[in-house]
PDB file of N, CA and C in Angstrom:
ATOM      1  N   MET A   1       5.300   5.028 -19.294  1.00  0.00           N
ATOM      2  CA  MET A   1       4.429   5.881 -18.516  1.00  0.00           C
ATOM      3  C   MET A   1       5.307   6.765 -17.619  1.00  0.00           C
ATOM      4  N   GLU A   2       4.996   8.019 -17.576  1.00  0.00           N
ATOM      5  CA  GLU A   2       5.758   8.957 -16.755  1.00  0.00           C
ATOM      6  C   GLU A   2       5.297   8.866 -15.300  1.00  0.00           C
ATOM      7  N   LEU A   3       6.253   8.953 -14.394  1.00  0.00           N
ATOM      8  CA  LEU A   3       5.944   8.875 -12.968  1.00  0.00           C
ATOM      9  C   LEU A   3       5.044  10.037 -12.559  1.00  0.00           C
ATOM     10  N   ASP A   4       3.937   9.705 -11.931  1.00  0.00           N
ATOM     11  CA  ASP A   4       3.040  10.698 -11.352  1.00  0.00           C
ATOM     12  C   ASP A   4       2.786  10.258  -9.911  1.00  0.00           C
ATOM     13  N   LEU A   5       3.736  10.598  -9.036  1.00  0.00           N
ATOM     14  CA  LEU A   5       3.682  10.137  -7.647  1.00  0.00           C
ATOM     15  C   LEU A   5       2.417  10.612  -6.942  1.00  0.00           C
ATOM     16  N   LYS A   6       1.982  11.820  -7.238  1.00  0.00           N
ATOM     17  CA  LYS A   6       0.755  12.320  -6.613  1.00  0.00           C
ATOM     18  C   LYS A   6      -0.440  11.453  -7.002  1.00  0.00           C
ATOM     19  N   LYS A   7      -0.535  11.080  -8.268  1.00  0.00           N
ATOM     20  CA  LYS A   7      -1.643  10.241  -8.724  1.00  0.00           C
ATOM     21  C   LYS A   7      -1.588   8.868  -8.057  1.00  0.00           C
ATOM     22  N   ILE A   8      -0.393   8.307  -7.941  1.00  0.00           N
ATOM     23  CA  ILE A   8      -0.251   7.002  -7.297  1.00  0.00           C
ATOM     24  C   ILE A   8      -0.664   7.090  -5.834  1.00  0.00           C
ATOM     25  N   LYS A   9      -0.180   8.116  -5.135  1.00  0.00           N
ATOM     26  CA  LYS A   9      -0.535   8.267  -3.723  1.00  0.00           C
ATOM     27  C   LYS A   9      -2.031   8.548  -3.554  1.00  0.00           C
ATOM     28  N   ASP A  10      -2.611   9.333  -4.447  1.00  0.00           N
ATOM     29  CA  ASP A  10      -4.053   9.587  -4.384  1.00  0.00           C
ATOM     30  C   ASP A  10      -4.835   8.290  -4.575  1.00  0.00           C
ATOM     31  N   TYR A  11      -4.371   7.434  -5.485  1.00  0.00           N
ATOM     32  CA  TYR A  11      -5.010   6.139  -5.716  1.00  0.00           C
ATOM     33  C   TYR A  11      -4.951   5.289  -4.438  1.00  0.00           C
ATOM     34  N   VAL A  12      -3.759   5.217  -3.837  1.00  0.00           N
ATOM     35  CA  VAL A  12      -3.582   4.419  -2.618  1.00  0.00           C
ATOM     36  C   VAL A  12      -4.430   5.003  -1.492  1.00  0.00           C
ATOM     37  N   ARG A  13      -4.443   6.331  -1.363  1.00  0.00           N
ATOM     38  CA  ARG A  13      -5.227   6.985  -0.311  1.00  0.00           C
ATOM     39  C   ARG A  13      -6.716   6.663  -0.469  1.00  0.00           C
ATOM     40  N   ALA A  14      -7.224   6.738  -1.679  1.00  0.00           N
ATOM     41  CA  ALA A  14      -8.644   6.438  -1.918  1.00  0.00           C
ATOM     42  C   ALA A  14      -8.943   4.980  -1.571  1.00  0.00           C
ATOM     43  N   ASP A  15      -8.028   4.087  -1.925  1.00  0.00           N
ATOM     44  CA  ASP A  15      -8.214   2.673  -1.608  1.00  0.00           C
ATOM     45  C   ASP A  15      -8.195   2.471  -0.092  1.00  0.00           C
ATOM     46  N   PHE A  16      -7.273   3.159   0.594  1.00  0.00           N
ATOM     47  CA  PHE A  16      -7.201   3.028   2.051  1.00  0.00           C
ATOM     48  C   PHE A  16      -8.465   3.579   2.700  1.00  0.00           C
ATOM     49  N   GLU A  17      -8.988   4.678   2.176  1.00  0.00           N
ATOM     50  CA  GLU A  17     -10.211   5.239   2.746  1.00  0.00           C
ATOM     51  C   GLU A  17     -11.381   4.273   2.616  1.00  0.00           C
ATOM     52  N   LYS A  18     -11.465   3.579   1.472  1.00  0.00           N
ATOM     53  CA  LYS A  18     -12.510   2.552   1.320  1.00  0.00           C
ATOM     54  C   LYS A  18     -12.267   1.416   2.305  1.00  0.00           C
ATOM     55  N   TYR A  19     -11.009   1.004   2.411  1.00  0.00           N
ATOM     56  CA  TYR A  19     -10.629  -0.112   3.278  1.00  0.00           C
ATOM     57  C   TYR A  19     -10.869   0.227   4.745  1.00  0.00           C
ATOM     58  N   SER A  20     -10.722   1.485   5.111  1.00  0.00           N
ATOM     59  CA  SER A  20     -10.835   1.869   6.515  1.00  0.00           C
ATOM     60  C   SER A  20     -12.244   2.306   6.911  1.00  0.00           C
ATOM     61  N   ASP A  21     -13.204   2.138   6.036  1.00  0.00           N
ATOM     62  CA  ASP A  21     -14.592   2.436   6.374  1.00  0.00           C
ATOM     63  C   ASP A  21     -14.990   1.549   7.562  1.00  0.00           C
ATOM     64  N   PRO A  22     -15.450   2.150   8.656  1.00  0.00           N
ATOM     65  CA  PRO A  22     -15.774   1.362   9.853  1.00  0.00           C
ATOM     66  C   PRO A  22     -16.757   0.224   9.595  1.00  0.00           C
ATOM     67  N   GLN A  23     -17.584   0.362   8.584  1.00  0.00           N
ATOM     68  CA  GLN A  23     -18.545  -0.690   8.266  1.00  0.00           C
ATOM     69  C   GLN A  23     -17.843  -1.979   7.829  1.00  0.00           C
ATOM     70  N   TYR A  24     -16.653  -1.849   7.224  1.00  0.00           N
ATOM     71  CA  TYR A  24     -15.968  -3.012   6.670  1.00  0.00           C
ATOM     72  C   TYR A  24     -14.663  -3.354   7.390  1.00  0.00           C
ATOM     73  N   SER A  25     -14.211  -2.502   8.276  1.00  0.00           N
ATOM     74  CA  SER A  25     -12.873  -2.643   8.838  1.00  0.00           C
ATOM     75  C   SER A  25     -12.850  -3.462  10.113  1.00  0.00           C
ATOM     76  N   ASN A  26     -11.645  -3.927  10.403  1.00  0.00           N
ATOM     77  CA  ASN A  26     -11.434  -4.590  11.675  1.00  0.00           C
ATOM     78  C   ASN A  26     -10.853  -3.581  12.667  1.00  0.00           C
ATOM     79  N   ILE A  27     -10.706  -3.986  13.888  1.00  0.00           N
ATOM     80  CA  ILE A  27     -10.254  -3.079  14.942  1.00  0.00           C
ATOM     81  C   ILE A  27      -8.838  -2.557  14.690  1.00  0.00           C
ATOM     82  N   VAL A  28      -7.989  -3.356  14.055  1.00  0.00           N
ATOM     83  CA  VAL A  28      -6.613  -2.926  13.777  1.00  0.00           C
ATOM     84  C   VAL A  28      -6.613  -1.689  12.885  1.00  0.00           C
ATOM     85  N   VAL A  29      -7.412  -1.710  11.842  1.00  0.00           N
ATOM     86  CA  VAL A  29      -7.477  -0.568  10.924  1.00  0.00           C
ATOM     87  C   VAL A  29      -8.020   0.660  11.645  1.00  0.00           C
ATOM     88  N   LEU A  30      -9.010   0.456  12.475  1.00  0.00           N
ATOM     89  CA  LEU A  30      -9.578   1.590  13.199  1.00  0.00           C
ATOM     90  C   LEU A  30      -8.547   2.198  14.150  1.00  0.00           C
ATOM     91  N   LEU A  31      -7.692   1.382  14.741  1.00  0.00           N
ATOM     92  CA  LEU A  31      -6.626   1.905  15.592  1.00  0.00           C
ATOM     93  C   LEU A  31      -5.608   2.694  14.778  1.00  0.00           C
ATOM     94  N   ILE A  32      -5.249   2.190  13.602  1.00  0.00           N
ATOM     95  CA  ILE A  32      -4.306   2.895  12.733  1.00  0.00           C
ATOM     96  C   ILE A  32      -4.855   4.279  12.375  1.00  0.00           C
ATOM     97  N   CYS A  33      -6.140   4.344  12.120  1.00  0.00           N
ATOM     98  CA  CYS A  33      -6.757   5.592  11.671  1.00  0.00           C
ATOM     99  C   CYS A  33      -6.753   6.673  12.748  1.00  0.00           C
ATOM    100  N   GLN A  34      -6.452   6.318  13.972  1.00  0.00           N
ATOM    101  CA  GLN A  34      -6.374   7.303  15.044  1.00  0.00           C
ATOM    102  C   GLN A  34      -5.083   8.116  14.980  1.00  0.00           C
ATOM    103  N   GLU A  35      -4.115   7.677  14.174  1.00  0.00           N
ATOM    104  CA  GLU A  35      -2.812   8.336  14.116  1.00  0.00           C
ATOM    105  C   GLU A  35      -2.490   8.740  12.673  1.00  0.00           C
ATOM    106  N   PRO A  36      -2.647  10.020  12.334  1.00  0.00           N
ATOM    107  CA  PRO A  36      -2.425  10.487  10.954  1.00  0.00           C
ATOM    108  C   PRO A  36      -1.033  10.163  10.410  1.00  0.00           C
ATOM    109  N   ASP A  37      -0.003  10.171  11.261  1.00  0.00           N
ATOM    110  CA  ASP A  37       1.343   9.845  10.777  1.00  0.00           C
ATOM    111  C   ASP A  37       1.409   8.413  10.254  1.00  0.00           C
ATOM    112  N   ARG A  38       0.701   7.526  10.915  1.00  0.00           N
ATOM    113  CA  ARG A  38       0.672   6.130  10.453  1.00  0.00           C
ATOM    114  C   ARG A  38      -0.015   6.019   9.095  1.00  0.00           C
ATOM    115  N   ILE A  39      -1.072   6.774   8.909  1.00  0.00           N
ATOM    116  CA  ILE A  39      -1.784   6.730   7.632  1.00  0.00           C
ATOM    117  C   ILE A  39      -0.860   7.193   6.512  1.00  0.00           C
ATOM    118  N   GLU A  40      -0.138   8.286   6.728  1.00  0.00           N
ATOM    119  CA  GLU A  40       0.780   8.773   5.690  1.00  0.00           C
ATOM    120  C   GLU A  40       1.875   7.755   5.398  1.00  0.00           C
ATOM    121  N   HIS A  41       2.356   7.089   6.423  1.00  0.00           N
ATOM    122  CA  HIS A  41       3.372   6.039   6.237  1.00  0.00           C
ATOM    123  C   HIS A  41       2.803   4.909   5.376  1.00  0.00           C
ATOM    124  N   ILE A  42       1.579   4.517   5.645  1.00  0.00           N
ATOM    125  CA  ILE A  42       0.925   3.453   4.875  1.00  0.00           C
ATOM    126  C   ILE A  42       0.727   3.884   3.427  1.00  0.00           C
ATOM    127  N   ILE A  43       0.341   5.129   3.198  1.00  0.00           N
ATOM    128  CA  ILE A  43       0.158   5.638   1.837  1.00  0.00           C
ATOM    129  C   ILE A  43       1.495   5.596   1.089  1.00  0.00           C
ATOM    130  N   ASP A  44       2.559   6.050   1.739  1.00  0.00           N
ATOM    131  CA  ASP A  44       3.890   6.032   1.109  1.00  0.00           C
ATOM    132  C   ASP A  44       4.328   4.610   0.769  1.00  0.00           C
ATOM    133  N   ILE A  45       4.155   3.688   1.693  1.00  0.00           N
ATOM    134  CA  ILE A  45       4.566   2.301   1.455  1.00  0.00           C
ATOM    135  C   ILE A  45       3.674   1.662   0.397  1.00  0.00           C
ATOM    136  N   GLY A  46       2.382   1.954   0.421  1.00  0.00           N
ATOM    137  CA  GLY A  46       1.478   1.423  -0.607  1.00  0.00           C
ATOM    138  C   GLY A  46       1.892   1.885  -1.993  1.00  0.00           C
ATOM    139  N   ALA A  47       2.256   3.159  -2.122  1.00  0.00           N
ATOM    140  CA  ALA A  47       2.736   3.679  -3.416  1.00  0.00           C
ATOM    141  C   ALA A  47       4.020   2.978  -3.822  1.00  0.00           C
ATOM    142  N   SER A  48       4.921   2.768  -2.886  1.00  0.00           N
ATOM    143  CA  SER A  48       6.183   2.075  -3.174  1.00  0.00           C
ATOM    144  C   SER A  48       5.929   0.636  -3.622  1.00  0.00           C
ATOM    145  N   ILE A  49       4.964  -0.020  -2.996  1.00  0.00           N
ATOM    146  CA  ILE A  49       4.610  -1.392  -3.388  1.00  0.00           C
ATOM    147  C   ILE A  49       4.129  -1.419  -4.833  1.00  0.00           C
ATOM    148  N   LEU A  50       3.241  -0.490  -5.185  1.00  0.00           N
ATOM    149  CA  LEU A  50       2.725  -0.470  -6.563  1.00  0.00           C
ATOM    150  C   LEU A  50       3.832  -0.151  -7.564  1.00  0.00           C
ATOM    151  N   MET A  51       4.715   0.795  -7.230  1.00  0.00           N
ATOM    152  CA  MET A  51       5.797   1.141  -8.157  1.00  0.00           C
ATOM    153  C   MET A  51       6.810   0.005  -8.297  1.00  0.00           C
ATOM    154  N   THR A  52       6.974  -0.790  -7.250  1.00  0.00           N
ATOM    155  CA  THR A  52       7.885  -1.932  -7.324  1.00  0.00           C
ATOM    156  C   THR A  52       7.259  -3.061  -8.131  1.00  0.00           C
ATOM    157  N   LYS A  53       5.994  -3.331  -7.889  1.00  0.00           N
ATOM    158  CA  LYS A  53       5.295  -4.409  -8.603  1.00  0.00           C
ATOM    159  C   LYS A  53       5.097  -4.055 -10.078  1.00  0.00           C
ATOM    160  N   TYR A  54       4.851  -2.789 -10.354  1.00  0.00           N
ATOM    161  CA  TYR A  54       4.569  -2.328 -11.716  1.00  0.00           C
ATOM    162  C   TYR A  54       5.582  -1.260 -12.108  1.00  0.00           C
ATOM    163  N   PRO A  55       6.773  -1.660 -12.557  1.00  0.00           N
ATOM    164  CA  PRO A  55       7.819  -0.688 -12.898  1.00  0.00           C
ATOM    165  C   PRO A  55       7.372   0.315 -13.956  1.00  0.00           C
ATOM    166  N   GLU A  56       6.379  -0.049 -14.752  1.00  0.00           N
ATOM    167  CA  GLU A  56       5.901   0.868 -15.788  1.00  0.00           C
ATOM    168  C   GLU A  56       5.246   2.123 -15.193  1.00  0.00           C
ATOM    169  N   LEU A  57       4.935   2.099 -13.888  1.00  0.00           N
ATOM    170  CA  LEU A  57       4.424   3.293 -13.232  1.00  0.00           C
ATOM    171  C   LEU A  57       5.519   4.333 -13.028  1.00  0.00           C
ATOM    172  N   GLY A  58       6.757   3.902 -13.135  1.00  0.00           N
ATOM    173  CA  GLY A  58       7.883   4.783 -12.873  1.00  0.00           C
ATOM    174  C   GLY A  58       8.278   4.666 -11.416  1.00  0.00           C
ATOM    175  N   GLY A  59       9.129   5.529 -10.985  1.00  0.00           N
ATOM    176  CA  GLY A  59       9.528   5.501  -9.583  1.00  0.00           C
ATOM    177  C   GLY A  59      10.746   4.646  -9.354  1.00  0.00           C
ATOM    178  N   TYR A  60      10.766   4.007  -8.244  1.00  0.00           N
ATOM    179  CA  TYR A  60      11.952   3.302  -7.784  1.00  0.00           C
ATOM    180  C   TYR A  60      11.537   2.011  -7.095  1.00  0.00           C
ATOM    181  N   PRO A  61      12.415   1.021  -7.077  1.00  0.00           N
ATOM    182  CA  PRO A  61      12.077  -0.209  -6.343  1.00  0.00           C
ATOM    183  C   PRO A  61      12.129   0.049  -4.837  1.00  0.00           C
ATOM    184  N   GLY A  62      11.284  -0.629  -4.120  1.00  0.00           N
ATOM    185  CA  GLY A  62      11.222  -0.453  -2.673  1.00  0.00           C
ATOM    186  C   GLY A  62      12.305  -1.219  -1.942  1.00  0.00           C
ATOM    187  N   GLY A  63      12.313  -1.078  -0.635  1.00  0.00           N
ATOM    188  CA  GLY A  63      13.281  -1.754   0.212  1.00  0.00           C
ATOM    189  C   GLY A  63      12.892  -3.201   0.478  1.00  0.00           C
ATOM    190  N   SER A  64      13.510  -3.783   1.499  1.00  0.00           N
ATOM    191  CA  SER A  64      13.327  -5.207   1.759  1.00  0.00           C
ATOM    192  C   SER A  64      11.884  -5.551   2.135  1.00  0.00           C
ATOM    193  N   PHE A  65      11.221  -4.705   2.917  1.00  0.00           N
ATOM    194  CA  PHE A  65       9.828  -4.979   3.257  1.00  0.00           C
ATOM    195  C   PHE A  65       8.957  -4.962   2.012  1.00  0.00           C
ATOM    196  N   VAL A  66       9.083  -3.914   1.227  1.00  0.00           N
ATOM    197  CA  VAL A  66       8.274  -3.769   0.013  1.00  0.00           C
ATOM    198  C   VAL A  66       8.537  -4.929  -0.940  1.00  0.00           C
ATOM    199  N   GLN A  67       9.790  -5.279  -1.136  1.00  0.00           N
ATOM    200  CA  GLN A  67      10.116  -6.381  -2.039  1.00  0.00           C
ATOM    201  C   GLN A  67       9.528  -7.692  -1.539  1.00  0.00           C
ATOM    202  N   SER A  68       9.542  -7.909  -0.238  1.00  0.00           N
ATOM    203  CA  SER A  68       8.941  -9.119   0.329  1.00  0.00           C
ATOM    204  C   SER A  68       7.437  -9.163   0.081  1.00  0.00           C
ATOM    205  N   VAL A  69       6.761  -8.013   0.225  1.00  0.00           N
ATOM    206  CA  VAL A  69       5.322  -7.958  -0.043  1.00  0.00           C
ATOM    207  C   VAL A  69       5.053  -8.281  -1.511  1.00  0.00           C
ATOM    208  N   VAL A  70       5.811  -7.651  -2.398  1.00  0.00           N
ATOM    209  CA  VAL A  70       5.628  -7.867  -3.838  1.00  0.00           C
ATOM    210  C   VAL A  70       5.904  -9.325  -4.214  1.00  0.00           C
ATOM    211  N   ASP A  71       6.901  -9.925  -3.553  1.00  0.00           N
ATOM    212  CA  ASP A  71       7.262 -11.320  -3.830  1.00  0.00           C
ATOM    213  C   ASP A  71       6.348 -12.320  -3.130  1.00  0.00           C
ATOM    214  N   ASN A  72       5.358 -11.821  -2.377  1.00  0.00           N
ATOM    215  CA  ASN A  72       4.446 -12.678  -1.626  1.00  0.00           C
ATOM    216  C   ASN A  72       5.198 -13.534  -0.608  1.00  0.00           C
ATOM    217  N   ASN A  73       6.215 -12.942   0.003  1.00  0.00           N
ATOM    218  CA  ASN A  73       7.069 -13.612   0.983  1.00  0.00           C
ATOM    219  C   ASN A  73       6.644 -13.151   2.375  1.00  0.00           C
ATOM    220  N   LEU A  74       5.719 -13.888   2.977  1.00  0.00           N
ATOM    221  CA  LEU A  74       5.156 -13.476   4.260  1.00  0.00           C
ATOM    222  C   LEU A  74       6.207 -13.400   5.354  1.00  0.00           C
ATOM    223  N   SER A  75       7.059 -14.404   5.471  1.00  0.00           N
ATOM    224  CA  SER A  75       8.057 -14.374   6.543  1.00  0.00           C
ATOM    225  C   SER A  75       9.041 -13.228   6.344  1.00  0.00           C
ATOM    226  N   GLY A  76       9.423 -12.938   5.106  1.00  0.00           N
ATOM    227  CA  GLY A  76      10.299 -11.816   4.827  1.00  0.00           C
ATOM    228  C   GLY A  76       9.629 -10.486   5.145  1.00  0.00           C
ATOM    229  N   ALA A  77       8.339 -10.381   4.812  1.00  0.00           N
ATOM    230  CA  ALA A  77       7.604  -9.142   5.075  1.00  0.00           C
ATOM    231  C   ALA A  77       7.475  -8.900   6.574  1.00  0.00           C
ATOM    232  N   ILE A  78       7.089  -9.908   7.308  1.00  0.00           N
ATOM    233  CA  ILE A  78       6.942  -9.745   8.755  1.00  0.00           C
ATOM    234  C   ILE A  78       8.294  -9.481   9.403  1.00  0.00           C
ATOM    235  N   GLY A  79       9.325 -10.169   8.928  1.00  0.00           N
ATOM    236  CA  GLY A  79      10.657  -9.995   9.499  1.00  0.00           C
ATOM    237  C   GLY A  79      11.257  -8.619   9.268  1.00  0.00           C
ATOM    238  N   SER A  80      10.826  -7.934   8.226  1.00  0.00           N
ATOM    239  CA  SER A  80      11.409  -6.623   7.918  1.00  0.00           C
ATOM    240  C   SER A  80      10.428  -5.467   8.129  1.00  0.00           C
ATOM    241  N   ALA A  81       9.235  -5.759   8.628  1.00  0.00           N
ATOM    242  CA  ALA A  81       8.203  -4.726   8.812  1.00  0.00           C
ATOM    243  C   ALA A  81       8.385  -3.976  10.124  1.00  0.00           C
ATOM    244  N   ASP A  82       8.080  -2.672  10.075  1.00  0.00           N
ATOM    245  CA  ASP A  82       7.973  -1.928  11.327  1.00  0.00           C
ATOM    246  C   ASP A  82       6.572  -2.186  11.903  1.00  0.00           C
ATOM    247  N   ALA A  83       6.290  -1.616  13.057  1.00  0.00           N
ATOM    248  CA  ALA A  83       5.019  -1.890  13.739  1.00  0.00           C
ATOM    249  C   ALA A  83       3.808  -1.497  12.889  1.00  0.00           C
ATOM    250  N   THR A  84       3.880  -0.362  12.221  1.00  0.00           N
ATOM    251  CA  THR A  84       2.759   0.087  11.389  1.00  0.00           C
ATOM    252  C   THR A  84       2.538  -0.854  10.217  1.00  0.00           C
ATOM    253  N   ASN A  85       3.606  -1.243   9.543  1.00  0.00           N
ATOM    254  CA  ASN A  85       3.462  -2.118   8.378  1.00  0.00           C
ATOM    255  C   ASN A  85       2.978  -3.509   8.754  1.00  0.00           C
ATOM    256  N   LYS A  86       3.313  -3.984   9.942  1.00  0.00           N
ATOM    257  CA  LYS A  86       2.765  -5.271  10.392  1.00  0.00           C
ATOM    258  C   LYS A  86       1.247  -5.182  10.489  1.00  0.00           C
ATOM    259  N   LEU A  87       0.753  -4.058  10.973  1.00  0.00           N
ATOM    260  CA  LEU A  87      -0.695  -3.871  11.084  1.00  0.00           C
ATOM    261  C   LEU A  87      -1.362  -3.679   9.725  1.00  0.00           C
ATOM    262  N   ALA A  88      -0.621  -3.156   8.757  1.00  0.00           N
ATOM    263  CA  ALA A  88      -1.197  -2.814   7.453  1.00  0.00           C
ATOM    264  C   ALA A  88      -1.031  -3.904   6.404  1.00  0.00           C
ATOM    265  N   LEU A  89      -0.456  -5.033   6.744  1.00  0.00           N
ATOM    266  CA  LEU A  89      -0.212  -6.085   5.740  1.00  0.00           C
ATOM    267  C   LEU A  89      -1.483  -6.484   4.992  1.00  0.00           C
ATOM    268  N   ASP A  90      -2.580  -6.605   5.695  1.00  0.00           N
ATOM    269  CA  ASP A  90      -3.835  -6.985   5.052  1.00  0.00           C
ATOM    270  C   ASP A  90      -4.233  -5.960   3.988  1.00  0.00           C
ATOM    271  N   PHE A  91      -4.081  -4.676   4.323  1.00  0.00           N
ATOM    272  CA  PHE A  91      -4.388  -3.630   3.339  1.00  0.00           C
ATOM    273  C   PHE A  91      -3.489  -3.750   2.118  1.00  0.00           C
ATOM    274  N   TYR A  92      -2.190  -3.958   2.323  1.00  0.00           N
ATOM    275  CA  TYR A  92      -1.257  -4.049   1.198  1.00  0.00           C
ATOM    276  C   TYR A  92      -1.619  -5.219   0.277  1.00  0.00           C
ATOM    277  N   MET A  93      -2.013  -6.334   0.862  1.00  0.00           N
ATOM    278  CA  MET A  93      -2.389  -7.489   0.039  1.00  0.00           C
ATOM    279  C   MET A  93      -3.634  -7.169  -0.788  1.00  0.00           C
ATOM    280  N   LYS A  94      -4.601  -6.517  -0.167  1.00  0.00           N
ATOM    281  CA  LYS A  94      -5.824  -6.158  -0.903  1.00  0.00           C
ATOM    282  C   LYS A  94      -5.528  -5.114  -1.974  1.00  0.00           C
ATOM    283  N   LEU A  95      -4.633  -4.180  -1.668  1.00  0.00           N
ATOM    284  CA  LEU A  95      -4.233  -3.176  -2.650  1.00  0.00           C
ATOM    285  C   LEU A  95      -3.647  -3.846  -3.891  1.00  0.00           C
ATOM    286  N   LEU A  96      -2.730  -4.773  -3.680  1.00  0.00           N
ATOM    287  CA  LEU A  96      -2.111  -5.486  -4.805  1.00  0.00           C
ATOM    288  C   LEU A  96      -3.119  -6.336  -5.563  1.00  0.00           C
ATOM    289  N   TYR A  97      -3.966  -7.043  -4.831  1.00  0.00           N
ATOM    290  CA  TYR A  97      -4.931  -7.936  -5.456  1.00  0.00           C
ATOM    291  C   TYR A  97      -5.925  -7.174  -6.330  1.00  0.00           C
ATOM    292  N   ASN A  98      -6.337  -6.005  -5.866  1.00  0.00           N
ATOM    293  CA  ASN A  98      -7.372  -5.242  -6.573  1.00  0.00           C
ATOM    294  C   ASN A  98      -6.831  -4.243  -7.589  1.00  0.00           C
ATOM    295  N   PHE A  99      -5.512  -4.065  -7.647  1.00  0.00           N
ATOM    296  CA  PHE A  99      -4.940  -3.072  -8.549  1.00  0.00           C
ATOM    297  C   PHE A  99      -4.948  -3.565  -9.985  1.00  0.00           C
ATOM    298  N   SER A 100      -5.276  -2.654 -10.887  1.00  0.00           N
ATOM    299  CA  SER A 100      -5.249  -2.934 -12.319  1.00  0.00           C
ATOM    300  C   SER A 100      -4.626  -1.731 -13.024  1.00  0.00           C
ATOM    301  N   LEU A 101      -3.590  -1.973 -13.819  1.00  0.00           N
ATOM    302  CA  LEU A 101      -2.987  -0.866 -14.570  1.00  0.00           C
ATOM    303  C   LEU A 101      -4.014  -0.184 -15.460  1.00  0.00           C
ATOM    304  N   TYR A 102      -4.883  -0.965 -16.065  1.00  0.00           N
ATOM    305  CA  TYR A 102      -5.898  -0.409 -16.949  1.00  0.00           C
ATOM    306  C   TYR A 102      -6.796   0.571 -16.184  1.00  0.00           C
ATOM    307  N   ASN A 103      -7.297   0.138 -15.017  1.00  0.00           N
ATOM    308  CA  ASN A 103      -8.169   1.005 -14.232  1.00  0.00           C
ATOM    309  C   ASN A 103      -7.411   2.224 -13.712  1.00  0.00           C
ATOM    310  N   TYR A 104      -6.152   2.009 -13.330  1.00  0.00           N
ATOM    311  CA  TYR A 104      -5.353   3.126 -12.826  1.00  0.00           C
ATOM    312  C   TYR A 104      -5.129   4.170 -13.926  1.00  0.00           C
ATOM    313  N   GLU A 105      -4.756   3.721 -15.115  1.00  0.00           N
ATOM    314  CA  GLU A 105      -4.474   4.632 -16.214  1.00  0.00           C
ATOM    315  C   GLU A 105      -5.716   5.404 -16.638  1.00  0.00           C
ATOM    316  N   ASN A 106      -6.881   4.812 -16.431  1.00  0.00           N
ATOM    317  CA  ASN A 106      -8.123   5.451 -16.854  1.00  0.00           C
ATOM    318  C   ASN A 106      -8.866   6.119 -15.702  1.00  0.00           C
ATOM    319  N   SER A 107      -8.172   6.279 -14.575  1.00  0.00           N
ATOM    320  CA  SER A 107      -8.828   6.926 -13.429  1.00  0.00           C
ATOM    321  C   SER A 107      -8.573   8.422 -13.438  1.00  0.00           C
TER     322      SER A 107
END
């Protein structure tokens, strides 16, 4: 599969928008949504997580935080996360849990 970074980021953005719906979100997500730079950081890291977990998407492997998330290593993820990523861990877990290559390829 050829790398389509825009498609991957659009997928992550759509998932984050569903996740950040005030009807379903917690206060942490609502605080993140007040700062557009944080949202873009989360979208970038979410795309990196998917490309690391699914090399067939193309792209590049992520850094230590991303690898810890993909490896389901909570202590490693928290130990290497910046402030924004600590707040977004729940989103990243849901992103990974709900992701399907089949659904992504057919979206």
